[in-house]
PDB file of N, CA and C in Angstrom:
ATOM      1  N   MET A   1     -20.818  20.356  -0.434  1.00  0.00           N
ATOM      2  CA  MET A   1     -20.450  19.184   0.332  1.00  0.00           C
ATOM      3  C   MET A   1     -18.931  18.979   0.303  1.00  0.00           C
ATOM      4  N   ARG A   2     -18.304  19.266  -0.838  1.00  0.00           N
ATOM      5  CA  ARG A   2     -16.860  19.087  -0.973  1.00  0.00           C
ATOM      6  C   ARG A   2     -16.113  19.959   0.043  1.00  0.00           C
ATOM      7  N   ASN A   3     -16.562  21.195   0.233  1.00  0.00           N
ATOM      8  CA  ASN A   3     -15.898  22.074   1.194  1.00  0.00           C
ATOM      9  C   ASN A   3     -16.022  21.555   2.612  1.00  0.00           C
ATOM     10  N   SER A   4     -17.167  20.968   2.943  1.00  0.00           N
ATOM     11  CA  SER A   4     -17.318  20.468   4.299  1.00  0.00           C
ATOM     12  C   SER A   4     -16.373  19.294   4.553  1.00  0.00           C
ATOM     13  N   LEU A   5     -16.099  18.475   3.535  1.00  0.00           N
ATOM     14  CA  LEU A   5     -15.138  17.390   3.677  1.00  0.00           C
ATOM     15  C   LEU A   5     -13.732  17.958   3.850  1.00  0.00           C
ATOM     16  N   LYS A   6     -13.398  18.973   3.048  1.00  0.00           N
ATOM     17  CA  LYS A   6     -12.083  19.616   3.189  1.00  0.00           C
ATOM     18  C   LYS A   6     -11.931  20.244   4.573  1.00  0.00           C
ATOM     19  N   ASP A   7     -12.988  20.895   5.051  1.00  0.00           N
ATOM     20  CA  ASP A   7     -12.953  21.506   6.383  1.00  0.00           C
ATOM     21  C   ASP A   7     -12.768  20.453   7.469  1.00  0.00           C
ATOM     22  N   PHE A   8     -13.501  19.350   7.336  1.00  0.00           N
ATOM     23  CA  PHE A   8     -13.389  18.262   8.307  1.00  0.00           C
ATOM     24  C   PHE A   8     -11.969  17.717   8.325  1.00  0.00           C
ATOM     25  N   LYS A   9     -11.405  17.494   7.135  1.00  0.00           N
ATOM     26  CA  LYS A   9     -10.050  16.960   7.042  1.00  0.00           C
ATOM     27  C   LYS A   9      -9.048  17.931   7.672  1.00  0.00           C
ATOM     28  N   ALA A  10      -9.194  19.209   7.388  1.00  0.00           N
ATOM     29  CA  ALA A  10      -8.284  20.212   7.953  1.00  0.00           C
ATOM     30  C   ALA A  10      -8.372  20.227   9.478  1.00  0.00           C
ATOM     31  N   ARG A  11      -9.591  20.177  10.004  1.00  0.00           N
ATOM     32  CA  ARG A  11      -9.764  20.160  11.472  1.00  0.00           C
ATOM     33  C   ARG A  11      -9.159  18.888  12.068  1.00  0.00           C
ATOM     34  N   ALA A  12      -9.391  17.764  11.413  1.00  0.00           N
ATOM     35  CA  ALA A  12      -8.876  16.498  11.928  1.00  0.00           C
ATOM     36  C   ALA A  12      -7.348  16.485  11.908  1.00  0.00           C
ATOM     37  N   LEU A  13      -6.763  16.957  10.802  1.00  0.00           N
ATOM     38  CA  LEU A  13      -5.305  16.928  10.681  1.00  0.00           C
ATOM     39  C   LEU A  13      -4.610  17.956  11.568  1.00  0.00           C
ATOM     40  N   ALA A  14      -5.369  18.879  12.130  1.00  0.00           N
ATOM     41  CA  ALA A  14      -4.799  19.838  13.076  1.00  0.00           C
ATOM     42  C   ALA A  14      -4.449  19.147  14.398  1.00  0.00           C
ATOM     43  N   ARG A  15      -5.063  17.993  14.635  1.00  0.00           N
ATOM     44  CA  ARG A  15      -4.767  17.221  15.851  1.00  0.00           C
ATOM     45  C   ARG A  15      -3.507  16.386  15.612  1.00  0.00           C
ATOM     46  N   PRO A  16      -2.500  16.521  16.475  1.00  0.00           N
ATOM     47  CA  PRO A  16      -1.234  15.796  16.273  1.00  0.00           C
ATOM     48  C   PRO A  16      -1.403  14.277  16.172  1.00  0.00           C
ATOM     49  N   ASP A  17      -2.286  13.700  16.973  1.00  0.00           N
ATOM     50  CA  ASP A  17      -2.459  12.247  16.935  1.00  0.00           C
ATOM     51  C   ASP A  17      -3.073  11.792  15.610  1.00  0.00           C
ATOM     52  N   VAL A  18      -4.024  12.555  15.093  1.00  0.00           N
ATOM     53  CA  VAL A  18      -4.648  12.221  13.814  1.00  0.00           C
ATOM     54  C   VAL A  18      -3.647  12.418  12.687  1.00  0.00           C
ATOM     55  N   ARG A  19      -2.893  13.512  12.723  1.00  0.00           N
ATOM     56  CA  ARG A  19      -1.898  13.780  11.679  1.00  0.00           C
ATOM     57  C   ARG A  19      -0.858  12.670  11.631  1.00  0.00           C
ATOM     58  N   ARG A  20      -0.401  12.217  12.789  1.00  0.00           N
ATOM     59  CA  ARG A  20       0.603  11.145  12.852  1.00  0.00           C
ATOM     60  C   ARG A  20       0.061   9.867  12.204  1.00  0.00           C
ATOM     61  N   GLU A  21      -1.151   9.473  12.529  1.00  0.00           N
ATOM     62  CA  GLU A  21      -1.765   8.272  11.940  1.00  0.00           C
ATOM     63  C   GLU A  21      -1.971   8.447  10.442  1.00  0.00           C
ATOM     64  N   TYR A  22      -2.422   9.629  10.048  1.00  0.00           N
ATOM     65  CA  TYR A  22      -2.645   9.910   8.624  1.00  0.00           C
ATOM     66  C   TYR A  22      -1.337   9.793   7.844  1.00  0.00           C
ATOM     67  N   GLU A  23      -0.263  10.344   8.379  1.00  0.00           N
ATOM     68  CA  GLU A  23       1.030  10.288   7.706  1.00  0.00           C
ATOM     69  C   GLU A  23       1.525   8.847   7.574  1.00  0.00           C
ATOM     70  N   GLU A  24       1.255   8.019   8.591  1.00  0.00           N
ATOM     71  CA  GLU A  24       1.673   6.627   8.526  1.00  0.00           C
ATOM     72  C   GLU A  24       0.922   5.867   7.427  1.00  0.00           C
ATOM     73  N   LEU A  25      -0.299   6.280   7.137  1.00  0.00           N
ATOM     74  CA  LEU A  25      -1.120   5.598   6.126  1.00  0.00           C
ATOM     75  C   LEU A  25      -1.112   6.305   4.776  1.00  0.00           C
ATOM     76  N   LYS A  26      -0.363   7.379   4.657  1.00  0.00           N
ATOM     77  CA  LYS A  26      -0.383   8.208   3.456  1.00  0.00           C
ATOM     78  C   LYS A  26      -0.116   7.419   2.173  1.00  0.00           C
ATOM     79  N   GLU A  27       0.887   6.556   2.189  1.00  0.00           N
ATOM     80  CA  GLU A  27       1.213   5.794   0.982  1.00  0.00           C
ATOM     81  C   GLU A  27       0.080   4.836   0.604  1.00  0.00           C
ATOM     82  N   GLU A  28      -0.564   4.245   1.599  1.00  0.00           N
ATOM     83  CA  GLU A  28      -1.701   3.363   1.304  1.00  0.00           C
ATOM     84  C   GLU A  28      -2.850   4.155   0.692  1.00  0.00           C
ATOM     85  N   PHE A  29      -3.107   5.347   1.225  1.00  0.00           N
ATOM     86  CA  PHE A  29      -4.165   6.194   0.673  1.00  0.00           C
ATOM     87  C   PHE A  29      -3.838   6.570  -0.775  1.00  0.00           C
ATOM     88  N   GLU A  30      -2.575   6.889  -1.044  1.00  0.00           N
ATOM     89  CA  GLU A  30      -2.173   7.263  -2.407  1.00  0.00           C
ATOM     90  C   GLU A  30      -2.353   6.103  -3.375  1.00  0.00           C
ATOM     91  N   LEU A  31      -1.975   4.895  -2.961  1.00  0.00           N
ATOM     92  CA  LEU A  31      -2.158   3.718  -3.809  1.00  0.00           C
ATOM     93  C   LEU A  31      -3.639   3.448  -4.044  1.00  0.00           C
ATOM     94  N   LEU A  32      -4.418   3.538  -3.003  1.00  0.00           N
ATOM     95  CA  LEU A  32      -5.862   3.334  -3.141  1.00  0.00           C
ATOM     96  C   LEU A  32      -6.461   4.351  -4.107  1.00  0.00           C
ATOM     97  N   ASP A  33      -6.022   5.591  -4.014  1.00  0.00           N
ATOM     98  CA  ASP A  33      -6.503   6.629  -4.919  1.00  0.00           C
ATOM     99  C   ASP A  33      -6.147   6.299  -6.372  1.00  0.00           C
ATOM    100  N   GLU A  34      -4.924   5.808  -6.603  1.00  0.00           N
ATOM    101  CA  GLU A  34      -4.515   5.411  -7.954  1.00  0.00           C
ATOM    102  C   GLU A  34      -5.386   4.279  -8.486  1.00  0.00           C
ATOM    103  N   ILE A  35      -5.653   3.302  -7.634  1.00  0.00           N
ATOM    104  CA  ILE A  35      -6.465   2.151  -8.022  1.00  0.00           C
ATOM    105  C   ILE A  35      -7.872   2.595  -8.416  1.00  0.00           C
ATOM    106  N   LEU A  36      -8.468   3.432  -7.601  1.00  0.00           N
ATOM    107  CA  LEU A  36      -9.836   3.895  -7.875  1.00  0.00           C
ATOM    108  C   LEU A  36      -9.893   4.743  -9.141  1.00  0.00           C
ATOM    109  N   LYS A  37      -8.897   5.603  -9.340  1.00  0.00           N
ATOM    110  CA  LYS A  37      -8.861   6.438 -10.551  1.00  0.00           C
ATOM    111  C   LYS A  37      -8.696   5.583 -11.801  1.00  0.00           C
ATOM    112  N   ALA A  38      -7.849   4.554 -11.711  1.00  0.00           N
ATOM    113  CA  ALA A  38      -7.626   3.687 -12.876  1.00  0.00           C
ATOM    114  C   ALA A  38      -8.907   2.969 -13.279  1.00  0.00           C
ATOM    115  N   ARG A  39      -9.658   2.468 -12.310  1.00  0.00           N
ATOM    116  CA  ARG A  39     -10.911   1.784 -12.638  1.00  0.00           C
ATOM    117  C   ARG A  39     -11.928   2.761 -13.201  1.00  0.00           C
ATOM    118  N   ALA A  40     -11.981   3.972 -12.640  1.00  0.00           N
ATOM    119  CA  ALA A  40     -12.912   4.987 -13.140  1.00  0.00           C
ATOM    120  C   ALA A  40     -12.565   5.370 -14.578  1.00  0.00           C
ATOM    121  N   GLU A  41     -11.271   5.540 -14.862  1.00  0.00           N
ATOM    122  CA  GLU A  41     -10.844   5.889 -16.225  1.00  0.00           C
ATOM    123  C   GLU A  41     -11.166   4.777 -17.214  1.00  0.00           C
ATOM    124  N   ALA A  42     -11.109   3.531 -16.746  1.00  0.00           N
ATOM    125  CA  ALA A  42     -11.425   2.396 -17.613  1.00  0.00           C
ATOM    126  C   ALA A  42     -12.931   2.255 -17.821  1.00  0.00           C
ATOM    127  N   GLY A  43     -13.710   2.951 -16.991  1.00  0.00           N
ATOM    128  CA  GLY A  43     -15.158   2.902 -17.119  1.00  0.00           C
ATOM    129  C   GLY A  43     -15.758   1.564 -16.723  1.00  0.00           C
ATOM    130  N   LEU A  44     -15.110   0.876 -15.796  1.00  0.00           N
ATOM    131  CA  LEU A  44     -15.587  -0.439 -15.370  1.00  0.00           C
ATOM    132  C   LEU A  44     -16.216  -0.385 -13.989  1.00  0.00           C
ATOM    133  N   THR A  45     -17.226  -1.205 -13.785  1.00  0.00           N
ATOM    134  CA  THR A  45     -17.786  -1.383 -12.445  1.00  0.00           C
ATOM    135  C   THR A  45     -16.918  -2.402 -11.720  1.00  0.00           C
ATOM    136  N   GLN A  46     -17.119  -2.512 -10.428  1.00  0.00           N
ATOM    137  CA  GLN A  46     -16.399  -3.525  -9.663  1.00  0.00           C
ATOM    138  C   GLN A  46     -16.726  -4.922 -10.194  1.00  0.00           C
ATOM    139  N   ALA A  47     -17.988  -5.158 -10.528  1.00  0.00           N
ATOM    140  CA  ALA A  47     -18.393  -6.477 -11.043  1.00  0.00           C
ATOM    141  C   ALA A  47     -17.728  -6.786 -12.382  1.00  0.00           C
ATOM    142  N   GLU A  48     -17.641  -5.801 -13.255  1.00  0.00           N
ATOM    143  CA  GLU A  48     -16.991  -6.008 -14.556  1.00  0.00           C
ATOM    144  C   GLU A  48     -15.501  -6.293 -14.383  1.00  0.00           C
ATOM    145  N   LEU A  49     -14.867  -5.546 -13.507  1.00  0.00           N
ATOM    146  CA  LEU A  49     -13.449  -5.772 -13.248  1.00  0.00           C
ATOM    147  C   LEU A  49     -13.240  -7.149 -12.624  1.00  0.00           C
ATOM    148  N   ALA A  50     -14.092  -7.522 -11.703  1.00  0.00           N
ATOM    149  CA  ALA A  50     -13.999  -8.836 -11.057  1.00  0.00           C
ATOM    150  C   ALA A  50     -14.071  -9.951 -12.092  1.00  0.00           C
ATOM    151  N   ALA A  51     -14.982  -9.828 -13.054  1.00  0.00           N
ATOM    152  CA  ALA A  51     -15.108 -10.846 -14.101  1.00  0.00           C
ATOM    153  C   ALA A  51     -13.829 -10.933 -14.927  1.00  0.00           C
ATOM    154  N   ARG A  52     -13.196  -9.801 -15.179  1.00  0.00           N
ATOM    155  CA  ARG A  52     -11.963  -9.791 -15.973  1.00  0.00           C
ATOM    156  C   ARG A  52     -10.800 -10.483 -15.272  1.00  0.00           C
ATOM    157  N   ILE A  53     -10.762 -10.364 -13.936  1.00  0.00           N
ATOM    158  CA  ILE A  53      -9.623 -10.954 -13.222  1.00  0.00           C
ATOM    159  C   ILE A  53      -9.972 -12.265 -12.533  1.00  0.00           C
ATOM    160  N   GLY A  54     -11.194 -12.730 -12.723  1.00  0.00           N
ATOM    161  CA  GLY A  54     -11.580 -14.032 -12.184  1.00  0.00           C
ATOM    162  C   GLY A  54     -11.813 -14.064 -10.696  1.00  0.00           C
ATOM    163  N   THR A  55     -12.461 -13.029 -10.191  1.00  0.00           N
ATOM    164  CA  THR A  55     -12.783 -12.992  -8.764  1.00  0.00           C
ATOM    165  C   THR A  55     -14.209 -12.468  -8.607  1.00  0.00           C
ATOM    166  N   THR A  56     -14.595 -12.148  -7.402  1.00  0.00           N
ATOM    167  CA  THR A  56     -15.944 -11.655  -7.132  1.00  0.00           C
ATOM    168  C   THR A  56     -15.942 -10.142  -6.961  1.00  0.00           C
ATOM    169  N   GLN A  57     -17.108  -9.560  -7.127  1.00  0.00           N
ATOM    170  CA  GLN A  57     -17.263  -8.121  -6.923  1.00  0.00           C
ATOM    171  C   GLN A  57     -16.904  -7.755  -5.491  1.00  0.00           C
ATOM    172  N   SER A  58     -17.275  -8.615  -4.533  1.00  0.00           N
ATOM    173  CA  SER A  58     -16.975  -8.303  -3.133  1.00  0.00           C
ATOM    174  C   SER A  58     -15.470  -8.306  -2.867  1.00  0.00           C
ATOM    175  N   ALA A  59     -14.722  -9.157  -3.568  1.00  0.00           N
ATOM    176  CA  ALA A  59     -13.257  -9.161  -3.408  1.00  0.00           C
ATOM    177  C   ALA A  59     -12.658  -7.862  -3.941  1.00  0.00           C
ATOM    178  N   VAL A  60     -13.184  -7.370  -5.064  1.00  0.00           N
ATOM    179  CA  VAL A  60     -12.716  -6.085  -5.605  1.00  0.00           C
ATOM    180  C   VAL A  60     -13.075  -4.964  -4.635  1.00  0.00           C
ATOM    181  N   ALA A  61     -14.261  -5.010  -4.076  1.00  0.00           N
ATOM    182  CA  ALA A  61     -14.680  -3.986  -3.113  1.00  0.00           C
ATOM    183  C   ALA A  61     -13.761  -3.973  -1.900  1.00  0.00           C
ATOM    184  N   ARG A  62     -13.411  -5.156  -1.387  1.00  0.00           N
ATOM    185  CA  ARG A  62     -12.485  -5.224  -0.239  1.00  0.00           C
ATOM    186  C   ARG A  62     -11.137  -4.617  -0.597  1.00  0.00           C
ATOM    187  N   LEU A  63     -10.646  -4.940  -1.789  1.00  0.00           N
ATOM    188  CA  LEU A  63      -9.358  -4.411  -2.223  1.00  0.00           C
ATOM    189  C   LEU A  63      -9.402  -2.886  -2.315  1.00  0.00           C
ATOM    190  N   GLU A  64     -10.523  -2.355  -2.772  1.00  0.00           N
ATOM    191  CA  GLU A  64     -10.628  -0.905  -2.978  1.00  0.00           C
ATOM    192  C   GLU A  64     -10.985  -0.117  -1.719  1.00  0.00           C
ATOM    193  N   THR A  65     -11.359  -0.796  -0.654  1.00  0.00           N
ATOM    194  CA  THR A  65     -11.776  -0.048   0.532  1.00  0.00           C
ATOM    195  C   THR A  65     -10.944  -0.307   1.764  1.00  0.00           C
ATOM    196  N   ALA A  66     -10.300  -1.424   1.851  1.00  0.00           N
ATOM    197  CA  ALA A  66      -9.623  -1.760   3.109  1.00  0.00           C
ATOM    198  C   ALA A  66      -8.225  -2.299   2.861  1.00  0.00           C
ATOM    199  N   MET A  67      -7.395  -1.528   2.193  1.00  0.00           N
ATOM    200  CA  MET A  67      -6.046  -1.987   1.859  1.00  0.00           C
ATOM    201  C   MET A  67      -5.276  -2.404   3.119  1.00  0.00           C
ATOM    202  N   GLY A  68      -5.384  -1.646   4.183  1.00  0.00           N
ATOM    203  CA  GLY A  68      -4.634  -1.961   5.391  1.00  0.00           C
ATOM    204  C   GLY A  68      -5.105  -3.209   6.100  1.00  0.00           C
ATOM    205  N   LYS A  69      -6.389  -3.524   5.998  1.00  0.00           N
ATOM    206  CA  LYS A  69      -6.938  -4.686   6.689  1.00  0.00           C
ATOM    207  C   LYS A  69      -6.681  -5.975   5.934  1.00  0.00           C
ATOM    208  N   HIS A  70      -6.771  -5.929   4.635  1.00  0.00           N
ATOM    209  CA  HIS A  70      -6.604  -7.110   3.795  1.00  0.00           C
ATOM    210  C   HIS A  70      -5.566  -6.795   2.724  1.00  0.00           C
ATOM    211  N   SER A  71      -4.318  -6.939   3.072  1.00  0.00           N
ATOM    212  CA  SER A  71      -3.267  -6.616   2.108  1.00  0.00           C
ATOM    213  C   SER A  71      -3.305  -7.605   0.948  1.00  0.00           C
ATOM    214  N   PRO A  72      -3.550  -7.097  -0.246  1.00  0.00           N
ATOM    215  CA  PRO A  72      -3.596  -7.993  -1.406  1.00  0.00           C
ATOM    216  C   PRO A  72      -2.195  -8.459  -1.781  1.00  0.00           C
ATOM    217  N   SER A  73      -2.122  -9.618  -2.402  1.00  0.00           N
ATOM    218  CA  SER A  73      -0.829 -10.118  -2.854  1.00  0.00           C
ATOM    219  C   SER A  73      -0.376  -9.311  -4.071  1.00  0.00           C
ATOM    220  N   ILE A  74       0.887  -9.407  -4.378  1.00  0.00           N
ATOM    221  CA  ILE A  74       1.411  -8.737  -5.563  1.00  0.00           C
ATOM    222  C   ILE A  74       0.743  -9.318  -6.805  1.00  0.00           C
ATOM    223  N   GLY A  75       0.491 -10.631  -6.795  1.00  0.00           N
ATOM    224  CA  GLY A  75      -0.190 -11.270  -7.918  1.00  0.00           C
ATOM    225  C   GLY A  75      -1.573 -10.695  -8.150  1.00  0.00           C
ATOM    226  N   THR A  76      -2.309 -10.466  -7.076  1.00  0.00           N
ATOM    227  CA  THR A  76      -3.649  -9.871  -7.182  1.00  0.00           C
ATOM    228  C   THR A  76      -3.557  -8.466  -7.752  1.00  0.00           C
ATOM    229  N   LEU A  77      -2.613  -7.678  -7.254  1.00  0.00           N
ATOM    230  CA  LEU A  77      -2.450  -6.316  -7.762  1.00  0.00           C
ATOM    231  C   LEU A  77      -2.039  -6.309  -9.229  1.00  0.00           C
ATOM    232  N   LYS A  78      -1.216  -7.286  -9.634  1.00  0.00           N
ATOM    233  CA  LYS A  78      -0.828  -7.396 -11.049  1.00  0.00           C
ATOM    234  C   LYS A  78      -2.048  -7.687 -11.920  1.00  0.00           C
ATOM    235  N   ARG A  79      -2.893  -8.622 -11.496  1.00  0.00           N
ATOM    236  CA  ARG A  79      -4.097  -8.953 -12.273  1.00  0.00           C
ATOM    237  C   ARG A  79      -5.037  -7.749 -12.349  1.00  0.00           C
ATOM    238  N   TYR A  80      -5.196  -7.048 -11.248  1.00  0.00           N
ATOM    239  CA  TYR A  80      -6.046  -5.857 -11.197  1.00  0.00           C
ATOM    240  C   TYR A  80      -5.527  -4.831 -12.199  1.00  0.00           C
ATOM    241  N   ALA A  81      -4.228  -4.551 -12.119  1.00  0.00           N
ATOM    242  CA  ALA A  81      -3.622  -3.553 -13.004  1.00  0.00           C
ATOM    243  C   ALA A  81      -3.752  -3.971 -14.468  1.00  0.00           C
ATOM    244  N   SER A  82      -3.451  -5.212 -14.761  1.00  0.00           N
ATOM    245  CA  SER A  82      -3.515  -5.707 -16.129  1.00  0.00           C
ATOM    246  C   SER A  82      -4.920  -5.602 -16.711  1.00  0.00           C
ATOM    247  N   ALA A  83      -5.927  -5.904 -15.908  1.00  0.00           N
ATOM    248  CA  ALA A  83      -7.317  -5.836 -16.376  1.00  0.00           C
ATOM    249  C   ALA A  83      -7.726  -4.414 -16.733  1.00  0.00           C
ATOM    250  N   LEU A  84      -7.009  -3.437 -16.195  1.00  0.00           N
ATOM    251  CA  LEU A  84      -7.304  -2.028 -16.478  1.00  0.00           C
ATOM    252  C   LEU A  84      -6.358  -1.429 -17.513  1.00  0.00           C
ATOM    253  N   GLY A  85      -5.464  -2.257 -18.048  1.00  0.00           N
ATOM    254  CA  GLY A  85      -4.519  -1.762 -19.046  1.00  0.00           C
ATOM    255  C   GLY A  85      -3.274  -1.130 -18.450  1.00  0.00           C
ATOM    256  N   TYR A  86      -2.944  -1.509 -17.229  1.00  0.00           N
ATOM    257  CA  TYR A  86      -1.761  -0.993 -16.543  1.00  0.00           C
ATOM    258  C   TYR A  86      -0.821  -2.143 -16.240  1.00  0.00           C
ATOM    259  N   ARG A  87       0.377  -1.806 -15.763  1.00  0.00           N
ATOM    260  CA  ARG A  87       1.266  -2.804 -15.199  1.00  0.00           C
ATOM    261  C   ARG A  87       1.640  -2.322 -13.805  1.00  0.00           C
ATOM    262  N   LEU A  88       1.841  -3.257 -12.917  1.00  0.00           N
ATOM    263  CA  LEU A  88       2.184  -2.936 -11.541  1.00  0.00           C
ATOM    264  C   LEU A  88       3.675  -2.664 -11.445  1.00  0.00           C
ATOM    265  N   GLN A  89       4.038  -1.643 -10.695  1.00  0.00           N
ATOM    266  CA  GLN A  89       5.440  -1.324 -10.466  1.00  0.00           C
ATOM    267  C   GLN A  89       5.635  -1.173  -8.963  1.00  0.00           C
ATOM    268  N   VAL A  90       6.469  -2.028  -8.386  1.00  0.00           N
ATOM    269  CA  VAL A  90       6.762  -1.985  -6.956  1.00  0.00           C
ATOM    270  C   VAL A  90       8.235  -1.662  -6.811  1.00  0.00           C
ATOM    271  N   ARG A  91       8.562  -0.721  -5.940  1.00  0.00           N
ATOM    272  CA  ARG A  91       9.959  -0.357  -5.756  1.00  0.00           C
ATOM    273  C   ARG A  91      10.212   0.108  -4.333  1.00  0.00           C
ATOM    274  N   LEU A  92      11.462   0.036  -3.935  1.00  0.00           N
ATOM    275  CA  LEU A  92      11.895   0.546  -2.639  1.00  0.00           C
ATOM    276  C   LEU A  92      12.452   1.944  -2.839  1.00  0.00           C
ATOM    277  N   VAL A  93      12.088   2.854  -1.961  1.00  0.00           N
ATOM    278  CA  VAL A  93      12.566   4.230  -2.033  1.00  0.00           C
ATOM    279  C   VAL A  93      13.245   4.548  -0.709  1.00  0.00           C
ATOM    280  N   LYS A  94      14.492   4.965  -0.787  1.00  0.00           N
ATOM    281  CA  LYS A  94      15.270   5.286   0.413  1.00  0.00           C
ATOM    282  C   LYS A  94      14.642   6.455   1.146  1.00  0.00           C
ATOM    283  N   GLU A  95      14.463   6.304   2.438  1.00  0.00           N
ATOM    284  CA  GLU A  95      13.924   7.391   3.247  1.00  0.00           C
ATOM    285  C   GLU A  95      15.033   8.388   3.543  1.00  0.00           C
ATOM    286  N   GLN A  96      14.730   9.657   3.430  1.00  0.00           N
ATOM    287  CA  GLN A  96      15.721  10.712   3.631  1.00  0.00           C
ATOM    288  C   GLN A  96      16.063  10.912   5.102  1.00  0.00           C
ATOM    289  N   SER A  97      15.118  10.713   5.987  1.00  0.00           N
ATOM    290  CA  SER A  97      15.309  11.056   7.392  1.00  0.00           C
ATOM    291  C   SER A  97      16.066   9.994   8.187  1.00  0.00           C
ATOM    292  N   ARG A  98      16.264   8.827   7.616  1.00  0.00           N
ATOM    293  CA  ARG A  98      16.921   7.755   8.360  1.00  0.00           C
ATOM    294  C   ARG A  98      18.404   7.705   8.037  1.00  0.00           C
ATOM    295  N   THR A  99      19.197   7.447   9.073  1.00  0.00           N
ATOM    296  CA  THR A  99      20.624   7.285   8.843  1.00  0.00           C
ATOM    297  C   THR A  99      20.901   5.806   8.637  1.00  0.00           C
ATOM    298  N   PRO A 100      21.805   5.492   7.724  1.00  0.00           N
ATOM    299  CA  PRO A 100      22.073   4.077   7.462  1.00  0.00           C
ATOM    300  C   PRO A 100      22.757   3.415   8.651  1.00  0.00           C
ATOM    301  N   ARG A 101      22.343   2.178   8.928  1.00  0.00           N
ATOM    302  CA  ARG A 101      22.987   1.397   9.984  1.00  0.00           C
ATOM    303  C   ARG A 101      23.981   0.460   9.332  1.00  0.00           C
ATOM    304  N   ALA A 102      24.917   0.011  10.122  1.00  0.00           N
ATOM    305  CA  ALA A 102      25.836  -1.001   9.605  1.00  0.00           C
ATOM    306  C   ALA A 102      25.011  -2.234   9.292  1.00  0.00           C
ATOM    307  N   THR A 103      25.203  -2.777   8.116  1.00  0.00           N
ATOM    308  CA  THR A 103      24.422  -3.935   7.731  1.00  0.00           C
ATOM    309  C   THR A 103      25.200  -5.205   8.009  1.00  0.00           C
ATOM    310  N   ARG A 104      24.486  -6.190   8.489  1.00  0.00           N
ATOM    311  CA  ARG A 104      25.095  -7.485   8.749  1.00  0.00           C
ATOM    312  C   ARG A 104      24.300  -8.521   7.981  1.00  0.00           C
ATOM    313  N   THR A 105      25.001  -9.384   7.329  1.00  0.00           N
ATOM    314  CA  THR A 105      24.323 -10.448   6.604  1.00  0.00           C
ATOM    315  C   THR A 105      24.062 -11.598   7.554  1.00  0.00           C
ATOM    316  N   HIS A 106      23.225 -12.520   7.127  1.00  0.00           N
ATOM    317  CA  HIS A 106      22.926 -13.696   7.928  1.00  0.00           C
ATOM    318  C   HIS A 106      24.200 -14.487   8.215  1.00  0.00           C
ATOM    319  N   SER A 107      25.080 -14.598   7.229  1.00  0.00           N
ATOM    320  CA  SER A 107      26.317 -15.360   7.412  1.00  0.00           C
ATOM    321  C   SER A 107      27.230 -14.660   8.415  1.00  0.00           C
ATOM    322  N   ASP A 108      27.258 -13.313   8.433  1.00  0.00           N
ATOM    323  CA  ASP A 108      28.064 -12.585   9.416  1.00  0.00           C
ATOM    324  C   ASP A 108      27.571 -12.898  10.826  1.00  0.00           C
ATOM    325  N   THR A 109      26.261 -12.918  11.001  1.00  0.00           N
ATOM    326  CA  THR A 109      25.672 -13.191  12.307  1.00  0.00           C
ATOM    327  C   THR A 109      25.993 -14.609  12.737  1.00  0.00           C
ATOM    328  N   ALA A 110      25.890 -15.554  11.817  1.00  0.00           N
ATOM    329  CA  ALA A 110      26.167 -16.945  12.132  1.00  0.00           C
ATOM    330  C   ALA A 110      27.640 -17.134  12.519  1.00  0.00           C
ATOM    331  N   VAL A 111      28.560 -16.508  11.813  1.00  0.00           N
ATOM    332  CA  VAL A 111      29.987 -16.606  12.115  1.00  0.00           C
ATOM    333  C   VAL A 111      30.258 -16.007  13.483  1.00  0.00           C
ATOM    334  N   GLY A 112      29.692 -14.834  13.753  1.00  0.00           N
ATOM    335  CA  GLY A 112      29.877 -14.195  15.052  1.00  0.00           C
ATOM    336  C   GLY A 112      29.338 -15.057  16.178  1.00  0.00           C
ATOM    337  N   SER A 113      28.227 -15.700  15.938  1.00  0.00           N
ATOM    338  CA  SER A 113      27.627 -16.561  16.936  1.00  0.00           C
ATOM    339  C   SER A 113      28.509 -17.775  17.209  1.00  0.00           C
ATOM    340  N   ARG A 114      29.070 -18.368  16.150  1.00  0.00           N
ATOM    341  CA  ARG A 114      29.956 -19.534  16.327  1.00  0.00           C
ATOM    342  C   ARG A 114      31.221 -19.137  17.082  1.00  0.00           C
ATOM    343  N   LYS A 115      31.771 -17.945  16.804  1.00  0.00           N
ATOM    344  CA  LYS A 115      32.970 -17.484  17.497  1.00  0.00           C
ATOM    345  C   LYS A 115      32.693 -17.313  18.982  1.00  0.00           C
ATOM    346  N   ALA A 116      31.520 -16.771  19.306  1.00  0.00           N
ATOM    347  CA  ALA A 116      31.181 -16.555  20.716  1.00  0.00           C
ATOM    348  C   ALA A 116      31.046 -17.883  21.443  1.00  0.00           C
ATOM    349  N   HIS A 117      30.475 -18.886  20.789  1.00  0.00           N
ATOM    350  CA  HIS A 117      30.298 -20.188  21.409  1.00  0.00           C
ATOM    351  C   HIS A 117      31.626 -20.929  21.540  1.00  0.00           C
ATOM    352  N   ALA A 118      32.566 -20.665  20.646  1.00  0.00           N
ATOM    353  CA  ALA A 118      33.849 -21.340  20.663  1.00  0.00           C
ATOM    354  C   ALA A 118      34.728 -20.869  21.806  1.00  0.00           C
ATOM    355  N   GLN A 119      34.510 -19.651  22.295  1.00  0.00           N
ATOM    356  CA  GLN A 119      35.384 -19.092  23.327  1.00  0.00           C
ATOM    357  C   GLN A 119      35.013 -19.582  24.658  1.00  0.00           C
TER     358      GLN A 119
END
């Protein structure tokens, strides 16, 4: 059965439209995989984990299956991680393919706007 899933994935990813969508969701899939592995390593059911973090089994199920549809808060992810003996780490990673744009602060925009109105 495992090979048929791998074959299906390979066939699906051969399609440019599917590959593009998959790449856009790749980070979410990776996070979801980490979450599921952590709970499995802890040997907890969804119901047991839910009791530890003060929520329902269905809320844990939603978190573990539909990250894109129901984005959990950072607080929820922290409680989830803590209940499994982990800590949550969120960080920004610079993309290699993007060129930096000139950055403007809110105050720069406001000053420029006032100058334009003054003229």
